[in-house]
Amino acid sequence: MRRTIKKEFNLNKLKIGCSPCMSEAKKMEQKISNRKVSEIKIEEVKTIISSMFKRKD
């Protein structure tokens, strides 16, 4: 049996992501809606981030 060579990927250099990640990124873009980062309130950032980790049953 042959061993395969394990390739290491730098995820920061990929041009595209997996479909769940891309859909979450689109949702975040819609919630931010072309505002500057300095215009977003801390509480709003917390709700956006926490919505990513809620279980979808």
Protein backbone atom coordinates (compact mmCIF):
# COMPACT_ATOMS: atom_id res chain seq x y z
CA MET A 1 0.00 0.00 0.00
CA ARG A 2 1.40 3.41 -0.96
CA ARG A 3 1.34 6.37 1.32
CA THR A 4 0.06 9.59 -0.12
CA ILE A 5 1.95 12.80 0.35
CA LYS A 6 0.07 15.11 2.66
CA LYS A 7 -0.27 18.58 1.15
CA GLU A 8 -0.54 21.60 3.38
CA PHE A 9 -2.83 24.40 2.27
CA ASN A 10 -2.55 28.01 3.33
CA LEU A 11 -6.22 28.93 3.78
CA ASN A 12 -5.40 32.64 3.76
CA LYS A 13 -4.21 32.45 0.14
CA LEU A 14 -7.18 30.57 -1.33
CA LYS A 15 -9.30 32.51 -3.81
CA ILE A 16 -12.52 30.70 -2.94
CA GLY A 17 -13.81 29.01 0.18
CA CYS A 18 -16.14 26.18 0.98
CA SER A 19 -19.83 26.76 0.38
CA PRO A 20 -20.85 27.05 4.08
CA CYS A 21 -18.12 29.65 4.66
CA MET A 22 -19.06 31.59 1.55
CA SER A 23 -22.74 31.68 2.51
CA GLU A 24 -21.88 32.95 6.01
CA ALA A 25 -19.63 35.62 4.49
CA LYS A 26 -22.48 36.76 2.23
CA LYS A 27 -24.82 36.98 5.22
CA MET A 28 -22.28 39.10 7.10
CA GLU A 29 -21.85 41.40 4.10
CA GLN A 30 -25.60 41.91 3.95
CA LYS A 31 -25.76 42.76 7.65
CA ILE A 32 -22.88 45.22 7.36
CA SER A 33 -24.29 46.67 4.11
CA ASN A 34 -21.28 48.63 2.81
CA ARG A 35 -20.55 50.54 6.01
CA LYS A 36 -17.09 51.30 7.30
CA VAL A 37 -15.87 49.16 10.17
CA SER A 38 -15.58 52.25 12.37
CA GLU A 39 -19.31 52.96 11.88
CA ILE A 40 -20.43 49.58 13.21
CA LYS A 41 -21.24 49.49 16.90
CA ILE A 42 -19.67 46.87 19.16
CA GLU A 43 -23.03 45.39 20.13
CA GLU A 44 -23.92 44.95 16.48
CA VAL A 45 -20.63 43.14 15.83
CA LYS A 46 -21.35 40.83 18.75
CA THR A 47 -24.79 39.92 17.37
CA ILE A 48 -23.41 39.30 13.89
CA ILE A 49 -20.67 37.02 15.21
CA SER A 50 -22.96 35.17 17.62
CA SER A 51 -25.48 34.53 14.82
CA MET A 52 -22.79 32.60 12.96
CA PHE A 53 -22.46 30.08 15.79
CA LYS A 54 -26.13 29.48 16.57
CA ARG A 55 -27.32 25.98 15.88
CA LYS A 56 -29.72 25.59 13.00
CA ASP A 57 -32.05 22.75 13.93
